[in-house]
Amino acid sequence: MRDRLADLRLEALHLASGAARLVDEDGDGVGDSIVEGTWQAEMNLGLGLRKAPSTFAGGR
């Protein structure tokens, strides 16, 4: 059973759309935090993508 489950590829969370702002707090050219953002998400729990009943918000 373990081998069969390992072969499955379930991408449970899909961020369908949204926008946010990356903040480079230490000036190294890499975003350290995501702020002022929201995403509309979809989830796949084995029956295809379904709209998630909430949004995900970026924050510090």
N, C-alpha and C. Protein backbone atom coordinates (compact mmCIF):
# COMPACT_ATOMS: atom_id res chain seq x y z
N MET A 1 0.82 -1.18 0.00
CA MET A 1 0.00 0.00 0.00
C MET A 1 0.87 1.25 0.00
N ARG A 2 1.94 1.25 0.77
CA ARG A 2 2.82 2.42 0.84
C ARG A 2 3.38 2.76 -0.53
N ASP A 3 3.81 1.74 -1.29
CA ASP A 3 4.35 1.98 -2.63
C ASP A 3 3.31 2.57 -3.57
N ARG A 4 2.09 2.10 -3.47
CA ARG A 4 1.03 2.63 -4.34
C ARG A 4 0.72 4.08 -4.00
N LEU A 5 0.70 4.42 -2.72
CA LEU A 5 0.43 5.80 -2.33
C LEU A 5 1.59 6.72 -2.71
N ALA A 6 2.80 6.22 -2.65
CA ALA A 6 3.96 7.03 -3.01
C ALA A 6 3.93 7.43 -4.48
N ASP A 7 3.32 6.59 -5.33
CA ASP A 7 3.24 6.89 -6.75
C ASP A 7 2.18 7.94 -7.09
N LEU A 8 1.24 8.17 -6.20
CA LEU A 8 0.19 9.15 -6.46
C LEU A 8 0.75 10.55 -6.34
N ARG A 9 0.29 11.40 -7.21
CA ARG A 9 0.71 12.81 -7.14
C ARG A 9 -0.55 13.63 -6.88
N LEU A 10 -0.72 14.02 -5.65
CA LEU A 10 -1.88 14.83 -5.28
C LEU A 10 -1.40 16.25 -4.99
N GLU A 11 -1.75 17.15 -5.84
CA GLU A 11 -1.41 18.55 -5.61
C GLU A 11 -2.63 19.17 -4.94
N ALA A 12 -2.63 19.14 -3.63
CA ALA A 12 -3.82 19.48 -2.87
C ALA A 12 -4.20 20.95 -2.98
N LEU A 13 -3.24 21.85 -3.01
CA LEU A 13 -3.57 23.27 -2.98
C LEU A 13 -3.06 23.95 -4.24
N HIS A 14 -3.94 24.66 -4.92
CA HIS A 14 -3.58 25.40 -6.12
C HIS A 14 -3.98 26.86 -5.89
N LEU A 15 -3.01 27.75 -5.94
CA LEU A 15 -3.30 29.17 -5.81
C LEU A 15 -3.70 29.68 -7.19
N ALA A 16 -4.99 29.81 -7.41
CA ALA A 16 -5.53 30.07 -8.74
C ALA A 16 -5.21 31.48 -9.24
N SER A 17 -5.34 32.48 -8.39
CA SER A 17 -5.08 33.85 -8.81
C SER A 17 -4.83 34.70 -7.58
N GLY A 18 -4.23 35.83 -7.79
CA GLY A 18 -4.00 36.73 -6.68
C GLY A 18 -2.83 37.65 -6.94
N ALA A 19 -2.56 38.47 -5.98
CA ALA A 19 -1.45 39.42 -6.07
C ALA A 19 -0.95 39.72 -4.68
N ALA A 20 0.32 40.04 -4.59
CA ALA A 20 0.93 40.39 -3.31
C ALA A 20 2.19 41.20 -3.57
N ARG A 21 2.77 41.67 -2.52
CA ARG A 21 4.02 42.43 -2.62
C ARG A 21 5.09 41.72 -1.82
N LEU A 22 6.22 41.40 -2.47
CA LEU A 22 7.36 40.81 -1.77
C LEU A 22 8.20 41.92 -1.16
N VAL A 23 8.68 41.69 0.04
CA VAL A 23 9.52 42.67 0.73
C VAL A 23 10.89 42.06 0.98
N ASP A 24 11.93 42.75 0.54
CA ASP A 24 13.32 42.34 0.78
C ASP A 24 13.82 43.13 1.98
N GLU A 25 13.67 42.56 3.16
CA GLU A 25 13.96 43.29 4.39
C GLU A 25 15.45 43.53 4.64
N ASP A 26 16.31 42.64 4.15
CA ASP A 26 17.74 42.81 4.43
C ASP A 26 18.55 43.22 3.21
N GLY A 27 17.91 43.55 2.08
CA GLY A 27 18.59 44.07 0.91
C GLY A 27 19.45 43.06 0.16
N ASP A 28 19.19 41.76 0.33
CA ASP A 28 20.03 40.76 -0.34
C ASP A 28 19.46 40.31 -1.69
N GLY A 29 18.37 40.92 -2.14
CA GLY A 29 17.79 40.57 -3.42
C GLY A 29 16.82 39.39 -3.38
N VAL A 30 16.54 38.88 -2.18
CA VAL A 30 15.61 37.76 -2.01
C VAL A 30 14.45 38.24 -1.15
N GLY A 31 13.22 37.96 -1.59
CA GLY A 31 12.05 38.36 -0.81
C GLY A 31 11.99 37.63 0.52
N ASP A 32 11.85 38.38 1.60
CA ASP A 32 11.81 37.80 2.94
C ASP A 32 10.40 37.64 3.48
N SER A 33 9.47 38.42 2.98
CA SER A 33 8.10 38.30 3.44
C SER A 33 7.15 38.70 2.31
N ILE A 34 5.92 38.26 2.42
CA ILE A 34 4.86 38.59 1.48
C ILE A 34 3.83 39.40 2.24
N VAL A 35 3.51 40.58 1.74
CA VAL A 35 2.55 41.45 2.42
C VAL A 35 1.48 41.93 1.44
N GLU A 36 0.39 42.40 2.00
CA GLU A 36 -0.68 43.01 1.23
C GLU A 36 -1.15 42.12 0.09
N GLY A 37 -1.35 40.84 0.36
CA GLY A 37 -1.76 39.95 -0.70
C GLY A 37 -2.91 39.04 -0.33
N THR A 38 -3.68 38.69 -1.32
CA THR A 38 -4.72 37.67 -1.14
C THR A 38 -4.71 36.77 -2.37
N TRP A 39 -5.10 35.53 -2.16
CA TRP A 39 -5.14 34.55 -3.23
C TRP A 39 -6.46 33.81 -3.20
N GLN A 40 -7.02 33.57 -4.35
CA GLN A 40 -8.16 32.68 -4.47
C GLN A 40 -7.58 31.29 -4.69
N ALA A 41 -7.99 30.35 -3.89
CA ALA A 41 -7.39 29.02 -3.93
C ALA A 41 -8.39 27.96 -4.37
N GLU A 42 -7.83 26.87 -4.88
CA GLU A 42 -8.60 25.68 -5.21
C GLU A 42 -7.90 24.50 -4.54
N MET A 43 -8.66 23.50 -4.18
CA MET A 43 -8.07 22.31 -3.55
C MET A 43 -8.43 21.07 -4.35
N ASN A 44 -7.49 20.14 -4.41
CA ASN A 44 -7.71 18.86 -5.05
C ASN A 44 -7.51 17.78 -4.01
N LEU A 45 -8.59 17.18 -3.59
CA LEU A 45 -8.52 16.11 -2.60
C LEU A 45 -8.83 14.77 -3.24
N GLY A 46 -8.46 14.64 -4.52
CA GLY A 46 -8.64 13.39 -5.23
C GLY A 46 -9.82 13.38 -6.18
N LEU A 47 -10.62 14.44 -6.20
CA LEU A 47 -11.79 14.51 -7.08
C LEU A 47 -11.68 15.66 -8.07
N GLY A 48 -10.48 16.16 -8.31
CA GLY A 48 -10.28 17.30 -9.19
C GLY A 48 -10.31 18.60 -8.39
N LEU A 49 -9.95 19.68 -9.06
CA LEU A 49 -9.90 20.98 -8.38
C LEU A 49 -11.29 21.46 -8.00
N ARG A 50 -11.42 21.90 -6.77
CA ARG A 50 -12.66 22.48 -6.25
C ARG A 50 -12.31 23.81 -5.59
N LYS A 51 -13.18 24.79 -5.73
CA LYS A 51 -12.92 26.09 -5.11
C LYS A 51 -12.85 25.94 -3.60
N ALA A 52 -11.86 26.57 -3.01
CA ALA A 52 -11.74 26.59 -1.55
C ALA A 52 -12.66 27.69 -1.04
N PRO A 53 -13.27 27.49 0.11
CA PRO A 53 -14.25 28.47 0.58
C PRO A 53 -13.63 29.68 1.26
N SER A 54 -12.34 29.91 1.08
CA SER A 54 -11.71 31.06 1.74
C SER A 54 -10.57 31.58 0.89
N THR A 55 -10.04 32.72 1.30
CA THR A 55 -8.85 33.28 0.65
C THR A 55 -7.69 33.19 1.62
N PHE A 56 -6.50 33.22 1.09
CA PHE A 56 -5.29 33.19 1.89
C PHE A 56 -4.63 34.54 1.79
N ALA A 57 -4.26 35.10 2.90
CA ALA A 57 -3.70 36.44 2.92
C ALA A 57 -2.24 36.39 3.31
N GLY A 58 -1.41 37.15 2.61
CA GLY A 58 -0.01 37.27 2.97
C GLY A 58 0.14 38.25 4.12
N GLY A 59 1.13 38.05 4.92
CA GLY A 59 1.38 38.95 6.03
C GLY A 59 2.76 38.75 6.60
N ARG A 60 3.16 39.63 7.48
CA ARG A 60 4.49 39.52 8.10
C ARG A 60 4.47 38.56 9.23
